[in-house]
Protein backbone atom coordinates (compact mmCIF):
# COMPACT_ATOMS: atom_id res chain seq x y z
CA MET A 1 50.30 -4.08 -30.21
CA GLU A 2 46.53 -4.42 -30.26
CA ARG A 3 44.72 -2.09 -27.89
CA THR A 4 42.06 -3.37 -25.55
CA PRO A 5 38.77 -1.78 -26.62
CA ARG A 6 37.38 0.80 -24.24
CA PRO A 7 34.23 -0.34 -22.42
CA THR A 8 31.10 1.03 -23.97
CA ALA A 9 27.68 1.55 -22.41
CA THR A 10 26.72 -1.83 -23.82
CA THR A 11 29.70 -3.71 -22.40
CA ARG A 12 29.28 -2.10 -18.98
CA VAL A 13 25.77 -3.47 -18.53
CA THR A 14 25.92 -6.65 -16.48
CA GLU A 15 23.66 -9.58 -16.93
CA PRO A 16 20.76 -9.50 -14.49
CA SER A 17 21.03 -11.89 -11.57
CA ARG A 18 18.77 -14.90 -11.23
CA THR A 19 16.80 -13.09 -8.51
CA VAL A 20 16.17 -10.11 -10.77
CA GLU A 21 15.12 -12.40 -13.59
CA VAL A 22 12.62 -14.18 -11.35
CA LEU A 23 11.19 -10.93 -9.99
CA LEU A 24 10.81 -9.41 -13.48
CA SER A 25 9.46 -12.55 -15.10
CA ALA A 26 6.00 -12.39 -16.62
CA ARG A 27 4.74 -14.99 -14.15
CA HIS A 28 5.32 -15.40 -10.44
CA SER A 29 4.73 -18.75 -8.79
CA LEU A 30 2.02 -18.70 -6.15
CA PRO A 31 4.45 -19.31 -3.24
CA LEU A 32 6.66 -16.44 -4.46
CA SER A 33 3.67 -14.14 -4.86
CA ILE A 34 2.41 -14.97 -1.38
CA ALA A 35 5.82 -14.13 0.07
CA LEU A 36 6.06 -10.86 -1.87
CA HIS A 37 2.58 -9.87 -0.70
CA LEU A 38 3.10 -10.64 2.98
CA ILE A 39 6.74 -9.91 3.82
CA PRO A 40 6.31 -6.10 3.64
CA GLY A 41 3.43 -6.31 6.14
CA ALA A 42 5.52 -8.29 8.62
CA LEU A 43 8.34 -5.77 8.23
CA ILE A 44 5.95 -2.87 8.85
CA VAL A 45 4.82 -4.37 12.16
CA ALA A 46 8.45 -4.97 13.15
CA ALA A 47 9.38 -1.40 12.18
CA TYR A 48 6.53 -0.06 14.29
CA LEU A 49 7.38 -2.09 17.39
CA LEU A 50 11.13 -1.47 17.12
CA VAL A 51 11.25 2.10 15.78
CA GLY A 52 7.93 3.84 15.19
CA GLU A 53 6.24 3.27 18.55
CA PRO A 54 9.34 3.96 20.70
CA PHE A 55 10.09 7.14 18.74
CA ALA A 56 6.53 8.45 18.96
CA GLU A 57 6.42 7.73 22.71
CA THR A 58 9.79 9.40 23.27
CA ILE A 59 8.69 12.66 21.68
CA GLY A 60 5.20 12.46 23.20
CA TYR A 61 3.24 11.99 19.97
CA PRO A 62 0.36 9.64 19.08
CA THR A 63 0.80 6.15 17.70
CA LEU A 64 -0.49 7.37 14.32
CA LEU A 65 2.90 8.99 13.81
CA GLY A 66 4.61 5.72 14.77
CA TRP A 67 2.67 3.80 12.16
CA ALA A 68 3.39 6.46 9.53
CA ILE A 69 7.10 6.13 10.30
CA ALA A 70 6.93 2.32 10.10
CA LEU A 71 5.11 2.45 6.76
CA CYS A 72 7.69 4.87 5.37
CA LEU A 73 10.57 2.70 6.57
CA VAL A 74 9.23 -0.23 4.55
CA LEU A 75 7.24 1.15 1.62
CA ILE A 76 9.78 3.74 0.49
CA PRO A 77 12.47 1.02 0.17
CA VAL A 78 9.88 -1.10 -1.69
CA LEU A 79 9.48 1.72 -4.22
CA ALA A 80 13.25 2.10 -4.38
CA GLY A 81 13.50 -1.63 -5.05
CA LEU A 82 11.06 -1.35 -7.95
CA LEU A 83 13.11 1.52 -9.38
CA GLY A 84 16.24 -0.58 -8.90
CA LEU A 85 14.66 -3.39 -10.92
CA GLY A 86 13.88 -0.79 -13.56
CA ARG A 87 17.53 0.23 -13.63
CA LYS A 88 18.55 -3.38 -14.19
CA LEU A 89 16.01 -3.65 -16.99
CA ASN A 90 16.35 -0.25 -18.66
CA GLY A 91 19.81 0.99 -17.67
CA ARG A 92 18.26 3.84 -15.65
CA PHE A 93 15.94 4.27 -12.70
CA SER A 94 12.52 3.69 -14.19
CA LEU A 95 9.33 1.74 -13.62
CA ARG A 96 8.96 0.93 -17.32
CA GLY A 97 8.67 -2.81 -17.77
CA VAL A 98 8.60 -3.31 -14.00
CA LEU A 99 4.99 -2.25 -13.59
CA HIS A 100 2.20 -3.45 -15.84
CA TYR A 101 -1.38 -2.29 -16.31
CA THR A 102 0.03 1.21 -16.89
CA ASP A 103 -0.85 1.76 -20.56
CA LYS A 104 -4.06 3.64 -19.61
CA PRO A 105 -6.46 1.65 -21.82
CA VAL A 106 -9.54 2.99 -20.00
CA PRO A 107 -10.76 6.34 -21.45
CA ARG A 108 -10.78 9.26 -19.01
CA GLY A 109 -14.55 9.58 -18.89
CA LYS A 110 -15.02 5.89 -18.18
CA LEU A 111 -12.28 6.04 -15.56
CA VAL A 112 -14.10 8.82 -13.69
CA ALA A 113 -17.36 6.89 -13.98
CA MET A 114 -15.61 3.90 -12.38
CA THR A 115 -13.70 5.72 -9.68
CA ILE A 116 -16.43 7.81 -8.09
CA PRO A 117 -18.71 4.82 -7.34
CA LEU A 118 -15.68 2.89 -6.08
CA ILE A 119 -14.87 5.68 -3.61
CA VAL A 120 -18.49 5.81 -2.45
CA TRP A 121 -18.58 2.01 -2.12
CA MET A 122 -15.34 1.81 -0.16
CA MET A 123 -16.34 4.55 2.27
CA ALA A 124 -19.94 3.38 2.74
CA VAL A 125 -19.04 -0.27 3.26
CA GLY A 126 -16.10 0.65 5.47
CA PHE A 127 -18.34 2.66 7.81
CA ALA A 128 -21.11 0.05 7.71
CA LEU A 129 -18.73 -2.74 8.70
CA ALA A 130 -17.05 -0.77 11.50
CA PRO A 131 -19.08 -2.64 14.18
CA VAL A 132 -17.89 -5.95 12.69
CA ASN A 133 -14.30 -4.74 12.89
CA ASN A 134 -14.78 -3.68 16.52
CA PHE A 135 -16.27 -7.08 17.36
CA PHE A 136 -13.25 -8.90 15.93
CA LEU A 137 -10.88 -6.45 17.64
CA GLU A 138 -12.44 -6.88 21.07
CA ASN A 139 -13.02 -10.65 20.89
CA LEU A 140 -10.14 -12.01 18.81
CA PHE A 141 -7.26 -9.54 18.67
CA ALA A 142 -7.28 -7.64 21.96
CA TRP A 143 -4.13 -9.56 22.96
CA LEU A 144 -1.98 -7.92 20.25
CA PRO A 145 0.58 -5.41 21.60
CA PHE A 146 -0.77 -2.73 19.27
CA ALA A 147 -4.49 -3.55 19.60
CA ASP A 148 -5.07 -0.35 21.58
CA THR A 149 -4.24 1.67 18.46
CA GLY A 150 -7.18 0.27 16.51
CA GLY A 151 -10.66 1.60 15.98
CA GLY A 152 -12.08 5.12 15.86
CA THR A 153 -9.78 7.92 16.97
CA ALA A 154 -7.63 5.66 19.19
CA TYR A 155 -4.59 6.55 17.11
CA ILE A 156 -4.60 10.12 18.43
CA ASP A 157 -6.70 10.08 21.63
CA GLY A 158 -5.25 11.32 24.89
CA TYR A 159 -3.03 14.10 23.53
CA SER A 160 -3.30 17.87 23.44
CA HIS A 161 -5.19 19.42 20.55
CA SER A 162 -2.04 20.98 19.10
CA ILE A 163 -0.14 17.66 19.13
CA MET A 164 -3.06 15.78 17.57
CA LEU A 165 -3.42 18.41 14.85
CA THR A 166 0.32 18.46 14.15
CA THR A 167 0.30 14.67 13.84
CA MET A 168 -2.61 14.75 11.41
CA VAL A 169 -0.96 17.43 9.28
CA ILE A 170 2.32 15.49 9.14
CA CYS A 171 0.60 12.21 8.31
CA LEU A 172 -1.87 13.55 5.73
CA PRO A 173 0.51 13.57 2.72
CA LEU A 174 2.01 10.26 3.86
CA THR A 175 -0.78 7.94 4.97
CA GLY A 176 -3.34 9.87 2.94
CA ILE A 177 -1.57 10.05 -0.43
CA SER A 178 2.01 8.87 -0.91
CA LEU A 179 1.98 5.54 0.94
CA PRO A 180 -1.31 4.21 -0.49
CA LEU A 181 -0.02 5.19 -3.94
CA ILE A 182 3.15 3.14 -3.37
CA GLU A 183 0.97 0.23 -2.22
CA GLU A 184 -1.03 0.37 -5.45
CA LEU A 185 2.08 0.54 -7.62
CA TYR A 186 3.48 -2.49 -5.83
CA PHE A 187 0.39 -4.66 -5.28
CA ARG A 188 -1.60 -3.83 -8.42
CA GLY A 189 1.12 -2.66 -10.80
CA PHE A 190 3.85 -5.17 -9.94
CA LEU A 191 2.31 -8.22 -8.24
CA LEU A 192 -1.21 -8.58 -9.67
CA PRO A 193 -0.21 -8.74 -13.37
CA ARG A 194 2.32 -11.47 -12.58
CA ILE A 195 -0.38 -13.82 -11.29
CA ALA A 196 -2.81 -12.96 -14.09
CA HIS A 197 -2.17 -16.45 -15.50
CA LEU A 198 -4.32 -17.73 -12.64
CA GLY A 199 -7.34 -16.27 -14.40
CA ASP A 200 -10.36 -15.19 -12.37
CA ARG A 201 -8.58 -16.26 -9.20
CA ALA A 202 -5.89 -13.59 -9.63
CA PRO A 203 -7.82 -10.55 -8.30
CA VAL A 204 -9.32 -12.67 -5.52
CA ILE A 205 -5.91 -13.90 -4.39
CA ASN A 206 -4.44 -10.42 -4.70
CA THR A 207 -7.25 -8.90 -2.62
CA VAL A 208 -7.08 -11.57 0.10
CA LEU A 209 -3.30 -11.32 0.37
CA PHE A 210 -3.42 -7.52 0.38
CA SER A 211 -5.90 -7.62 3.24
CA LEU A 212 -3.75 -10.15 5.09
CA TYR A 213 -0.67 -7.98 4.48
CA HIS A 214 -2.20 -5.48 6.93
CA PHE A 215 -0.91 -7.41 9.93
CA TRP A 216 -1.29 -4.25 12.00
CA SER A 217 -5.11 -4.35 11.66
CA PRO A 218 -6.14 -8.03 11.31
CA TRP A 219 -9.57 -7.20 12.75
CA MET A 220 -10.33 -5.49 9.42
CA PHE A 221 -9.37 -8.51 7.30
CA LEU A 222 -12.89 -9.43 6.19
CA SER A 223 -14.19 -5.90 5.68
CA ARG A 224 -11.07 -4.87 3.77
CA ILE A 225 -11.64 -7.71 1.30
CA ILE A 226 -15.23 -6.59 0.77
CA PHE A 227 -14.64 -2.89 0.29
CA THR A 228 -11.47 -3.14 -1.84
CA PHE A 229 -12.27 -6.06 -4.14
CA PRO A 230 -14.34 -4.12 -6.74
CA GLY A 231 -11.52 -1.67 -7.42
CA PHE A 232 -8.88 -4.37 -7.62
CA TRP A 233 -11.09 -6.50 -9.85
CA LEU A 234 -11.62 -3.58 -12.24
CA ALA A 235 -7.87 -2.95 -12.36
CA TRP A 236 -7.36 -6.60 -13.34
CA ARG A 237 -10.32 -6.75 -15.70
CA ASN A 238 -9.30 -3.62 -17.62
CA LYS A 239 -5.52 -4.07 -17.25
CA ASP A 240 -5.39 -0.54 -15.85
CA ILE A 241 -4.24 0.20 -12.29
CA ARG A 242 -5.88 3.64 -12.21
CA PRO A 243 -9.30 2.51 -10.88
CA ALA A 244 -7.56 0.91 -7.91
CA ILE A 245 -5.36 3.97 -7.40
CA GLY A 246 -8.32 6.31 -7.63
CA MET A 247 -10.31 4.28 -5.13
CA HIS A 248 -7.53 3.63 -2.61
CA VAL A 249 -5.76 6.99 -2.69
CA GLY A 250 -9.04 8.85 -3.12
CA VAL A 251 -10.61 7.37 0.01
CA ASP A 252 -7.48 7.65 2.15
CA ALA A 253 -6.95 11.25 1.07
CA LEU A 254 -10.59 12.21 1.70
CA LEU A 255 -10.55 10.64 5.16
CA ALA A 256 -7.23 12.26 6.04
CA VAL A 257 -8.38 15.70 4.86
CA ALA A 258 -11.76 15.38 6.57
CA GLY A 259 -10.20 14.20 9.81
CA THR A 260 -7.61 16.99 9.81
CA ALA A 261 -10.25 19.64 9.01
CA ALA A 262 -12.62 18.32 11.70
CA LEU A 263 -9.82 18.38 14.26
CA ALA A 264 -8.75 21.88 13.22
CA LEU A 265 -12.33 23.09 13.61
CA ASN A 266 -12.70 21.36 17.00
CA LEU A 267 -15.44 19.09 15.67
CA ILE A 268 -13.78 16.00 17.13
């Protein structure tokens, strides 16, 4: 009697589903890309209103902690989803083939020469356009249920020094490093290369949609486009996500460290 062959590693691998094939394809349609850019932002706002804000209020902590929780609840699963796509593609949890622009074509010296000016640009323009953001906040978006968390130190105002400092210390590795890194892996490593067939429009569309994705701070829509576009354009132009990572994570980390240090030293 002929024996049924034992399943091997090859026979155990299932064919990827149609959804996985579409997500991992070299090109995303514009409607699909728009959805993939914006859905996480809508989920973050929902997570804040349903989980983050109530939890922070219950324990008597600032809204900054609520937003950090909401971002974690959405962006960590996004990263897990990318790793899951990698498992479908490679047979193990991996980002190989899922992310593009990761071959590091830009030499280290050139990368540093790109990143430092990008950080200076993003910080300088961000501070310069703060009055514009406040104008939009006060005149167009004051009706939003979370509008009182925008602008300046509103995220932590009204709490004891120890609670504010604890919040900043907790949030620093999250909103200052880990979460912006996940955003870059997703938006510049996964989404941007898959609309590269749109040519020069690709980094523009990616930047506009990334700014719009921040539904929790729509008053910064215009300024965010201006101060992030150079880094995202360089990532697209050089097929290397590191300039965008260096700019985005670098600025967020510097601001988080500076804010935490200033609070610890009673400077704010």
